[in-house]
Amino acid sequence: MKSTPSERVEQPALQRTLSNRHIQLMAMGGAIGLFVYFVMRAMGELLLSNLNFKTFADFAGAYLGPRAAFFLGWSYWLSWSVAVVGDAVVVGGFFQYWFPDVPAWIPAIGMLMTLFALNVLTVRLFGEVEFWFAIIKIIAVVTLIGVSMVMIASSFVSPSGVTASLNHLLDKQAAFPNGLFGFFAGFQMAIFSFAGTELIGTAAAETRSPEKTLPKAINSIPLRIILFYVLALACIIAVTSWQQVSPNKSPFVELFLVAGFPAAAGIVNFVVLTSAASSANSGVFSSSRMLFGLASHDNAPGIFRRLSGNSVPLLSLAFTTLLMLVGVLLLFIVPEVMTAFTIVSTVSAILVIFTWSTILASYIAYRKSRPDLHAQSTYKMPGGVPMAWFSLAFLGFVLCLLALRPDTRIALLVMPGWFIWLAIAYQLTHSRKLKSAAGSANQYS
C-alpha cells in the first residue's frame, strides 16, 4: 500500500498540506480500507476462478468485453504514472528535511533516475528493493507504536504542555472540527493513499501456488490497515492531540521530536522517505509492465513489446519514466505547487476509483454469467453481489465528493476528456485490428 498522507513531510516550497480535513480523513482510513478489502476479495475470487487470469485487465476483458480491458489497462497505466509524479515531489520535500537549501526537484529527479536504473537491471532486484523497503517501514511503525504506548502509559507531557492520553481520541472536536462538509472533502487524499492495494493480489496471482498465496495476501489487508493506519494514527493523536497536529510537518517525525529524540526523528524522516520511494518504485514497475501488456494485446504500439536481455520491457520503462520526469518538472514550474499537486492526486484518485469499480463490475458480470464457477469457488467474496453493489455505490459517493472543493473539482471536470480520448483510441485500434485480420484472411483465402 501507499504510505499515508500523514507520513509525508511538508516543506516551504513543496508542501503537501495536511489541513484538518485531511487529518480527519486519515482517521477514517480504516473504514475506507474495509471497502477496499471487499474490492480485493472480489478480485481474489475472479483471479482464482480461472488461473489464466493474471491481472484484473484479463477478467475485465473476459466478462465486460475488450473495450473495458482497453480502458482499464490505459487508465491503470496513467494512475500509476501520475501517482509516481506525486511521490517524487514528496521525496524532494523529505530530502529538504536535511538539506533545506537544495532545490526539491533535484532529489525528486534523482529518485526517478535511480528507480529507472534499478528496474532496468532485473525483475528480481525490484522484489528485493520492495522487500527491504517494507521491512524498514514495518520496523519504524512498530517502534512508533511502542514509543507512543510508553508515552501514554507514563502520561508524558510535551513541551507545548499536552499530556499524552487516550482521551484525545474521544475529543468532541476531533471527528468534525470543520463540520461534516470538511470531513467529506478529504476523501480524495484517502483514496489516493490506498492506491496500489490491488498489487497485493495481482502479485500473489503470479506465484507458483496462487490458491494459497492469494487468499493469504488479501486476508492480510485488514491487519495492514489496522497496524499502518488506524493504530499508528491513533497513537500519534493520543500523544499530540488533534489540535496539536501540524499541517506543515509530518506527525510521524513530530512525535519523536516531541518525545525529545531528534536523532530518531531524522531516522523516521528517512523511513517515510523510503516509504514514498517504495510507492514510486511500485509505480515505475507496474506502469511499465501495464504498457508492455497493452502492447502485447495490440492495444499499444508494438515497439513497447520489446524486451531487454534481462527480460525487462526497456522501451515501455523508458517511455513511462520520461513522462514521469516531465510531470515532475511541470509541477515544479507552476507557481502554485500545492494546487498542481492536489490536481495530480485527484486525477490519480479518480483513476483508482475507476479501476476498483471495474473490478466490482467484472465480479457482478462473472456471477451472472458463470454461476458454476462461483459455486466451485473456495474463496468467495463475503456478501456476494449485494456487497459488490454496495461497494460500487460507496465509490460513486466518493466520486461525487470530489465536486465539493474547487481544487478537486478541476480534476473531476477534466477527467472525462481522458475517457473520451480512450474511446477514440479504442475505435482506431479496433478498426486497425479488423483491417489486419481481414488482410490476413484474404492472404490465405
Protein backbone atom coordinates (compact mmCIF):
# COMPACT_ATOMS: atom_id res chain seq x y z
CA MET A 1 0.00 0.00 0.00
CA LYS A 2 0.96 3.54 -0.41
CA SER A 3 2.13 5.47 2.60
CA THR A 4 -0.48 7.61 4.28
CA PRO A 5 -0.50 11.37 3.84
CA SER A 6 0.50 11.66 7.47
CA GLU A 7 3.85 10.13 6.64
CA ARG A 8 4.88 12.89 4.32
CA VAL A 9 6.94 15.90 5.33
CA GLU A 10 5.90 19.39 4.31
CA GLN A 11 8.45 21.93 3.14
CA PRO A 12 8.18 25.66 2.30
CA ALA A 13 8.25 25.42 -1.50
CA LEU A 14 6.94 21.91 -1.72
CA GLN A 15 4.09 21.35 0.67
CA ARG A 16 1.66 18.51 0.65
CA THR A 17 -0.60 20.32 3.05
CA LEU A 18 -2.44 18.30 5.66
CA SER A 19 -5.30 20.55 6.63
CA ASN A 20 -7.80 19.43 9.27
CA ARG A 21 -9.93 17.80 6.61
CA HIS A 22 -7.03 15.54 5.64
CA ILE A 23 -6.26 14.65 9.25
CA GLN A 24 -9.89 13.72 9.86
CA LEU A 25 -9.89 11.57 6.76
CA MET A 26 -6.80 9.69 7.83
CA ALA A 27 -8.67 8.62 10.95
CA MET A 28 -11.40 7.26 8.68
CA GLY A 29 -8.82 5.38 6.61
CA GLY A 30 -9.75 2.15 8.34
CA ALA A 31 -13.39 2.41 7.27
CA ILE A 32 -12.44 3.20 3.69
CA GLY A 33 -9.91 0.39 3.81
CA LEU A 34 -12.70 -2.07 4.59
CA PHE A 35 -14.40 -1.21 1.31
CA VAL A 36 -11.05 -1.70 -0.39
CA TYR A 37 -10.91 -5.12 1.27
CA PHE A 38 -14.21 -6.13 -0.38
CA VAL A 39 -12.89 -4.94 -3.74
CA MET A 40 -9.82 -7.10 -3.23
CA ARG A 41 -11.95 -10.09 -2.21
CA ALA A 42 -13.95 -9.71 -5.42
CA MET A 43 -10.68 -9.58 -7.34
CA GLY A 44 -9.41 -12.64 -5.47
CA GLU A 45 -12.42 -14.76 -6.37
CA LEU A 46 -12.16 -13.71 -10.01
CA LEU A 47 -8.44 -14.45 -10.26
CA LEU A 48 -8.86 -17.89 -8.70
CA SER A 49 -11.89 -18.74 -10.84
CA ASN A 50 -9.54 -19.02 -13.82
CA LEU A 51 -5.80 -19.34 -13.25
CA ASN A 52 -5.20 -17.99 -16.74
CA PHE A 53 -6.23 -14.60 -15.36
CA LYS A 54 -3.08 -12.82 -14.19
CA THR A 55 -4.38 -9.27 -13.82
CA PHE A 56 -7.72 -7.53 -13.44
CA ALA A 57 -7.48 -6.44 -17.09
CA ASP A 58 -7.72 -10.12 -18.04
CA PHE A 59 -11.01 -10.81 -16.26
CA ALA A 60 -12.39 -7.37 -17.21
CA GLY A 61 -11.87 -8.32 -20.85
CA ALA A 62 -13.45 -11.73 -20.31
CA TYR A 63 -16.60 -10.51 -18.53
CA LEU A 64 -17.03 -6.90 -19.66
CA GLY A 65 -15.50 -7.07 -23.13
CA PRO A 66 -12.33 -5.84 -24.86
CA ARG A 67 -13.35 -2.19 -24.56
CA ALA A 68 -13.35 -2.45 -20.76
CA ALA A 69 -9.94 -4.12 -20.80
CA PHE A 70 -8.60 -1.35 -23.04
CA PHE A 71 -9.98 1.41 -20.81
CA LEU A 72 -8.79 -0.31 -17.65
CA GLY A 73 -5.29 -1.03 -18.93
CA TRP A 74 -4.59 2.52 -20.08
CA SER A 75 -6.26 4.11 -17.04
CA TYR A 76 -4.26 1.96 -14.66
CA TRP A 77 -1.07 2.89 -16.51
CA LEU A 78 -1.92 6.57 -16.17
CA SER A 79 -2.93 6.27 -12.50
CA TRP A 80 0.44 4.83 -11.52
CA SER A 81 2.33 7.30 -13.71
CA VAL A 82 0.53 10.20 -12.05
CA ALA A 83 0.99 8.72 -8.57
CA VAL A 84 4.75 8.40 -9.12
CA VAL A 85 4.91 12.09 -10.02
CA GLY A 86 3.30 12.91 -6.69
CA ASP A 87 5.62 10.57 -4.79
CA ALA A 88 8.69 12.09 -6.46
CA VAL A 89 7.60 15.55 -5.38
CA VAL A 90 7.10 14.30 -1.83
CA VAL A 91 10.56 12.67 -1.78
CA GLY A 92 12.01 16.05 -2.72
CA GLY A 93 10.28 17.52 0.32
CA PHE A 94 11.61 14.80 2.62
CA PHE A 95 15.13 15.40 1.35
CA GLN A 96 14.87 19.06 2.34
CA TYR A 97 14.49 17.97 5.96
CA TRP A 98 18.27 17.56 5.97
CA PHE A 99 19.26 19.91 3.14
CA PRO A 100 16.75 22.79 3.10
CA ASP A 101 18.83 24.80 0.61
CA VAL A 102 18.80 22.09 -2.06
CA PRO A 103 16.01 22.62 -4.63
CA ALA A 104 13.46 19.86 -4.13
CA TRP A 105 13.35 19.00 -7.83
CA ILE A 106 16.93 17.70 -7.72
CA PRO A 107 16.31 14.76 -5.32
CA ALA A 108 12.92 14.16 -6.99
CA ILE A 109 14.56 13.72 -10.40
CA GLY A 110 17.43 11.79 -8.80
CA MET A 111 14.99 9.31 -7.25
CA LEU A 112 13.24 8.70 -10.57
CA MET A 113 16.53 8.08 -12.35
CA THR A 114 17.65 5.71 -9.59
CA LEU A 115 14.41 3.73 -9.79
CA PHE A 116 14.74 3.59 -13.57
CA ALA A 117 18.23 2.15 -13.23
CA LEU A 118 17.09 -0.43 -10.67
CA ASN A 119 14.19 -1.54 -12.85
CA VAL A 120 16.44 -1.81 -15.92
CA LEU A 121 18.72 -4.35 -14.25
CA THR A 122 16.42 -7.23 -13.36
CA VAL A 123 12.91 -8.05 -12.16
CA ARG A 124 14.34 -9.85 -9.14
CA LEU A 125 16.06 -6.67 -7.96
CA PHE A 126 12.67 -4.93 -7.90
CA GLY A 127 11.40 -7.56 -5.50
CA GLU A 128 14.48 -7.24 -3.29
CA VAL A 129 14.16 -3.45 -3.10
CA GLU A 130 10.46 -3.70 -2.21
CA PHE A 131 11.19 -6.32 0.44
CA TRP A 132 13.71 -4.12 2.27
CA PHE A 133 11.55 -1.04 1.92
CA ALA A 134 8.73 -2.99 3.57
CA ILE A 135 10.97 -4.25 6.38
CA ILE A 136 12.16 -0.72 7.15
CA LYS A 137 8.60 0.60 7.24
CA ILE A 138 7.30 -2.19 9.47
CA ILE A 139 10.13 -1.73 11.99
CA ALA A 140 9.53 2.03 12.05
CA VAL A 141 5.78 1.77 12.56
CA VAL A 142 6.12 -0.86 15.29
CA THR A 143 8.74 1.33 17.01
CA LEU A 144 6.49 4.37 16.75
CA ILE A 145 3.59 2.48 18.29
CA GLY A 146 5.82 1.19 21.09
CA VAL A 147 7.21 4.64 21.92
CA SER A 148 3.71 6.11 21.84
CA MET A 149 2.36 3.50 24.24
CA VAL A 150 5.18 4.21 26.71
CA MET A 151 4.44 7.93 26.48
CA ILE A 152 0.73 7.31 27.04
CA ALA A 153 1.34 4.93 29.95
CA SER A 154 3.69 7.45 31.62
CA SER A 155 1.38 10.44 30.93
CA PHE A 156 4.21 12.16 29.09
CA VAL A 157 3.90 15.95 28.90
CA SER A 158 5.16 17.57 25.69
CA PRO A 159 7.00 20.94 25.62
CA SER A 160 3.72 22.52 24.49
CA GLY A 161 2.05 21.27 27.67
CA VAL A 162 -0.03 18.46 26.11
CA THR A 163 -0.30 15.31 28.21
CA ALA A 164 -0.26 12.05 26.23
CA SER A 165 -3.60 10.38 26.81
CA LEU A 166 -6.12 8.17 25.03
CA ASN A 167 -8.72 10.77 25.98
CA HIS A 168 -7.59 12.82 22.99
CA LEU A 169 -9.23 10.20 20.77
CA LEU A 170 -12.58 10.98 22.41
CA ASP A 171 -12.35 14.75 21.99
CA LYS A 172 -15.72 16.03 20.79
CA GLN A 173 -14.00 18.31 18.29
CA ALA A 174 -11.74 15.58 16.94
CA ALA A 175 -14.09 13.92 14.46
CA PHE A 176 -15.58 17.00 12.79
CA PRO A 177 -13.50 20.12 13.55
CA ASN A 178 -14.62 21.62 10.22
CA GLY A 179 -18.07 20.09 10.22
CA LEU A 180 -19.48 17.32 8.05
CA PHE A 181 -18.59 19.19 4.85
CA GLY A 182 -14.96 19.44 5.83
CA PHE A 183 -14.95 15.75 6.78
CA PHE A 184 -16.24 14.61 3.39
CA ALA A 185 -13.96 16.96 1.47
CA GLY A 186 -10.89 14.94 2.43
CA PHE A 187 -11.88 11.60 0.91
CA GLN A 188 -9.74 12.25 -2.16
CA MET A 189 -6.50 12.01 -0.18
CA ALA A 190 -7.54 8.76 1.48
CA ILE A 191 -8.37 7.12 -1.85
CA PHE A 192 -5.02 8.32 -3.17
CA SER A 193 -3.34 6.76 -0.13
CA PHE A 194 -4.87 3.35 -0.77
CA ALA A 195 -3.86 3.27 -4.43
CA GLY A 196 -1.79 0.21 -5.17
CA THR A 197 -3.56 -2.14 -2.77
CA GLU A 198 -4.62 -4.25 -5.76
CA LEU A 199 -0.95 -5.10 -6.39
CA ILE A 200 -1.07 -7.37 -3.34
CA GLY A 201 -3.50 -9.63 -5.14
CA THR A 202 -2.13 -9.46 -8.67
CA ALA A 203 1.41 -10.18 -7.50
CA ALA A 204 0.23 -13.18 -5.49
CA ALA A 205 -1.71 -14.43 -8.52
CA GLU A 206 1.55 -14.82 -10.42
CA THR A 207 3.20 -17.07 -7.83
CA ARG A 208 3.55 -20.84 -8.14
CA SER A 209 0.68 -21.56 -5.74
CA PRO A 210 -1.90 -18.77 -6.17
CA GLU A 211 -4.58 -20.85 -4.41
CA LYS A 212 -2.60 -20.45 -1.18
CA THR A 213 -0.74 -17.17 -1.59
CA LEU A 214 -3.60 -15.07 -2.99
CA PRO A 215 -6.05 -15.62 -0.10
CA LYS A 216 -3.21 -15.14 2.38
CA ALA A 217 -2.18 -11.84 0.77
CA ILE A 218 -5.71 -10.44 0.59
CA ASN A 219 -6.68 -11.63 4.08
CA SER A 220 -3.70 -9.69 5.47
CA ILE A 221 -5.15 -6.39 4.25
CA PRO A 222 -7.31 -5.70 7.35
CA LEU A 223 -4.31 -6.30 9.61
CA ARG A 224 -2.20 -3.95 7.49
CA ILE A 225 -4.92 -1.30 7.70
CA ILE A 226 -5.22 -1.63 11.47
CA LEU A 227 -1.46 -1.54 12.01
CA PHE A 228 -0.35 1.08 9.50
CA TYR A 229 -3.37 3.37 9.51
CA VAL A 230 -5.67 3.09 12.47
CA LEU A 231 -3.31 2.13 15.30
CA ALA A 232 -0.38 4.29 14.17
CA LEU A 233 -2.56 7.36 13.68
CA ALA A 234 -4.39 6.75 16.96
CA CYS A 235 -1.03 6.73 18.75
CA ILE A 236 0.01 10.00 17.15
CA ILE A 237 -3.23 11.70 18.11
CA ALA A 238 -3.13 10.30 21.65
CA VAL A 239 0.35 11.78 22.15
CA THR A 240 -0.06 15.12 20.38
CA SER A 241 -3.87 15.62 20.33
CA TRP A 242 -5.85 16.62 17.26
CA GLN A 243 -5.32 20.32 17.87
CA GLN A 244 -1.52 19.98 18.02
CA VAL A 245 -1.07 18.06 14.75
CA SER A 246 0.73 20.50 12.47
CA PRO A 247 -0.40 20.73 8.84
CA ASN A 248 3.14 21.71 7.83
CA LYS A 249 5.07 18.80 9.33
CA SER A 250 4.98 15.03 9.31
CA PRO A 251 3.25 13.87 12.51
CA PHE A 252 5.41 10.74 12.45
CA VAL A 253 8.55 12.87 12.63
CA GLU A 254 6.98 15.33 15.08
CA LEU A 255 6.12 12.57 17.54
CA PHE A 256 9.80 11.75 18.08
CA LEU A 257 10.70 15.42 18.28
CA VAL A 258 8.05 15.86 20.97
CA ALA A 259 9.49 12.86 22.79
CA GLY A 260 12.91 14.54 22.80
CA PHE A 261 14.57 12.22 20.27
CA PRO A 262 15.71 14.47 17.38
CA ALA A 263 18.01 11.74 16.06
CA ALA A 264 15.08 9.33 15.95
CA ALA A 265 13.03 11.99 14.15
CA GLY A 266 15.70 12.08 11.44
CA ILE A 267 15.57 8.31 11.16
CA VAL A 268 11.78 8.38 10.86
CA ASN A 269 12.09 11.02 8.15
CA PHE A 270 14.34 8.59 6.29
CA VAL A 271 11.77 5.84 6.78
CA VAL A 272 8.88 7.86 5.38
CA LEU A 273 11.15 8.92 2.53
CA THR A 274 11.79 5.25 1.71
CA SER A 275 8.06 4.61 2.02
CA ALA A 276 7.33 7.22 -0.65
CA ALA A 277 10.21 5.87 -2.74
CA SER A 278 8.78 2.36 -2.35
CA SER A 279 5.43 3.54 -3.64
CA ALA A 280 7.17 5.22 -6.57
CA ASN A 281 9.16 2.04 -7.24
CA SER A 282 5.94 0.04 -7.43
CA GLY A 283 4.52 2.65 -9.78
CA VAL A 284 7.50 2.60 -12.13
CA PHE A 285 7.41 -1.21 -12.24
CA SER A 286 3.64 -1.55 -12.60
CA SER A 287 3.10 1.17 -15.20
CA SER A 288 5.90 -0.12 -17.43
CA ARG A 289 4.50 -3.68 -17.22
CA MET A 290 0.99 -2.46 -17.92
CA LEU A 291 2.20 -0.65 -21.05
CA PHE A 292 4.03 -3.84 -22.09
CA GLY A 293 0.83 -5.82 -21.54
CA LEU A 294 -1.20 -3.35 -23.59
CA ALA A 295 1.30 -3.67 -26.45
CA SER A 296 1.21 -7.48 -26.16
CA HIS A 297 -2.55 -7.34 -26.83
CA ASP A 298 -2.09 -4.85 -29.68
CA ASN A 299 -3.65 -2.09 -27.60
CA ALA A 300 -0.45 -0.01 -27.66
CA PRO A 301 2.33 0.48 -30.25
CA GLY A 302 4.18 -2.76 -30.89
CA ILE A 303 7.53 -1.17 -30.06
CA PHE A 304 6.62 -1.43 -26.36
CA ARG A 305 6.61 -5.24 -26.61
CA ARG A 306 10.38 -5.41 -26.89
CA LEU A 307 12.30 -6.95 -24.00
CA SER A 308 15.90 -6.46 -22.96
CA GLY A 309 18.33 -9.30 -22.37
CA ASN A 310 17.17 -9.33 -18.73
CA SER A 311 13.52 -9.77 -19.82
CA VAL A 312 12.73 -6.17 -18.90
CA PRO A 313 10.35 -4.15 -21.16
CA LEU A 314 13.01 -1.48 -21.59
CA LEU A 315 11.21 0.79 -24.06
CA SER A 316 8.00 0.70 -22.01
CA LEU A 317 10.02 1.53 -18.93
CA ALA A 318 11.95 4.34 -20.64
CA PHE A 319 8.84 5.94 -22.17
CA THR A 320 6.90 5.83 -18.90
CA THR A 321 9.81 7.19 -16.87
CA LEU A 322 10.30 10.01 -19.37
CA LEU A 323 6.68 11.09 -18.97
CA MET A 324 7.09 10.96 -15.19
CA LEU A 325 10.17 13.19 -15.41
CA VAL A 326 8.23 15.69 -17.50
CA GLY A 327 5.39 15.60 -14.97
CA VAL A 328 7.73 16.28 -12.05
CA LEU A 329 9.35 19.22 -13.84
CA LEU A 330 5.94 20.70 -14.68
CA LEU A 331 4.90 20.50 -11.04
CA PHE A 332 7.95 22.49 -10.00
CA ILE A 333 7.48 25.04 -12.78
CA VAL A 334 3.90 26.05 -11.96
CA PRO A 335 3.59 28.91 -9.44
CA GLU A 336 1.22 27.12 -7.07
CA VAL A 337 2.81 23.74 -6.40
CA MET A 338 0.14 22.61 -3.94
CA THR A 339 -2.67 23.44 -6.35
CA ALA A 340 -0.98 21.41 -9.05
CA PHE A 341 -0.24 18.58 -6.65
CA THR A 342 -3.86 18.45 -5.48
CA ILE A 343 -4.98 18.16 -9.09
CA VAL A 344 -2.43 15.37 -9.68
CA SER A 345 -3.51 13.40 -6.61
CA THR A 346 -7.17 13.87 -7.51
CA VAL A 347 -6.57 12.58 -11.04
CA SER A 348 -4.91 9.52 -9.51
CA ALA A 349 -7.81 9.06 -7.08
CA ILE A 350 -10.37 9.20 -9.91
CA LEU A 351 -8.46 6.60 -11.89
CA VAL A 352 -8.18 4.39 -8.81
CA ILE A 353 -11.94 4.63 -8.29
CA PHE A 354 -12.41 3.66 -11.94
CA THR A 355 -10.10 0.65 -11.52
CA TRP A 356 -11.83 -0.60 -8.38
CA SER A 357 -15.28 -0.02 -9.91
CA THR A 358 -14.32 -2.05 -12.97
CA ILE A 359 -13.18 -4.90 -10.72
CA LEU A 360 -16.55 -4.86 -8.94
CA ALA A 361 -18.46 -4.64 -12.23
CA SER A 362 -16.47 -7.62 -13.53
CA TYR A 363 -17.39 -9.56 -10.41
CA ILE A 364 -21.09 -8.83 -10.88
CA ALA A 365 -20.89 -9.91 -14.54
CA TYR A 366 -18.97 -13.05 -13.53
CA ARG A 367 -21.65 -14.02 -11.00
CA LYS A 368 -24.33 -13.59 -13.65
CA SER A 369 -22.61 -15.45 -16.49
CA ARG A 370 -20.67 -18.13 -14.58
CA PRO A 371 -22.65 -19.23 -11.51
CA ASP A 372 -20.98 -22.63 -11.85
CA LEU A 373 -17.53 -21.16 -11.20
CA HIS A 374 -18.83 -19.26 -8.19
CA ALA A 375 -20.36 -22.46 -6.78
CA GLN A 376 -16.99 -24.20 -7.10
CA SER A 377 -15.01 -21.33 -5.59
CA THR A 378 -13.23 -21.93 -2.30
CA TYR A 379 -12.57 -18.23 -1.82
CA LYS A 380 -15.93 -16.50 -2.22
CA MET A 381 -16.34 -12.77 -1.72
CA PRO A 382 -18.16 -12.03 1.58
CA GLY A 383 -21.58 -10.57 0.89
CA GLY A 384 -21.50 -11.55 -2.76
CA VAL A 385 -23.32 -9.44 -5.33
CA PRO A 386 -25.17 -7.21 -2.83
CA MET A 387 -21.86 -6.21 -1.24
CA ALA A 388 -20.40 -5.56 -4.69
CA TRP A 389 -23.27 -3.18 -5.48
CA PHE A 390 -22.94 -1.53 -2.07
CA SER A 391 -19.21 -1.01 -2.61
CA LEU A 392 -19.90 0.44 -6.06
CA ALA A 393 -22.38 2.87 -4.52
CA PHE A 394 -19.77 3.91 -1.96
CA LEU A 395 -17.17 4.56 -4.66
CA GLY A 396 -19.74 6.58 -6.60
CA PHE A 397 -20.43 8.60 -3.45
CA VAL A 398 -16.71 9.32 -3.03
CA LEU A 399 -16.50 10.42 -6.67
CA CYS A 400 -19.32 12.90 -6.08
CA LEU A 401 -17.49 14.27 -3.04
CA LEU A 402 -14.71 15.48 -5.32
CA ALA A 403 -17.07 18.20 -6.51
CA LEU A 404 -17.19 19.78 -3.05
CA ARG A 405 -13.98 21.79 -3.32
CA PRO A 406 -12.59 23.87 -6.20
CA ASP A 407 -9.14 22.21 -6.12
CA THR A 408 -10.53 18.69 -6.55
CA ARG A 409 -13.39 19.81 -8.80
CA ILE A 410 -10.92 20.87 -11.51
CA ALA A 411 -9.62 17.32 -11.96
CA LEU A 412 -13.15 15.93 -11.84
CA LEU A 413 -14.16 18.23 -14.70
CA VAL A 414 -11.15 17.48 -16.92
CA MET A 415 -11.04 13.70 -16.47
CA PRO A 416 -13.94 12.99 -18.86
CA GLY A 417 -11.55 14.21 -21.56
CA TRP A 418 -9.28 11.24 -20.80
CA PHE A 419 -12.10 8.75 -21.26
CA ILE A 420 -13.28 10.48 -24.45
CA TRP A 421 -9.74 10.13 -25.79
CA LEU A 422 -9.71 6.45 -24.78
CA ALA A 423 -12.99 5.90 -26.64
CA ILE A 424 -11.48 7.43 -29.80
CA ALA A 425 -8.23 5.49 -29.37
CA TYR A 426 -10.15 2.24 -28.89
CA GLN A 427 -12.12 2.75 -32.08
CA LEU A 428 -8.94 3.48 -34.03
CA THR A 429 -7.19 0.46 -32.53
CA HIS A 430 -10.20 -1.79 -33.09
CA SER A 431 -10.50 -0.69 -36.72
CA ARG A 432 -6.79 -1.36 -37.27
CA LYS A 433 -7.18 -4.86 -35.82
CA LEU A 434 -10.16 -5.59 -38.07
CA LYS A 435 -8.26 -4.45 -41.15
CA SER A 436 -5.25 -6.52 -40.13
CA ALA A 437 -7.45 -9.58 -39.58
CA ALA A 438 -9.20 -9.05 -42.93
CA GLY A 439 -5.84 -8.71 -44.67
CA SER A 440 -4.63 -11.95 -43.14
CA ALA A 441 -7.83 -13.74 -44.14
CA ASN A 442 -7.53 -12.53 -47.76
CA GLN A 443 -3.92 -13.63 -47.87
CA TYR A 444 -4.82 -17.23 -47.07
CA SER A 445 -8.11 -17.37 -48.97
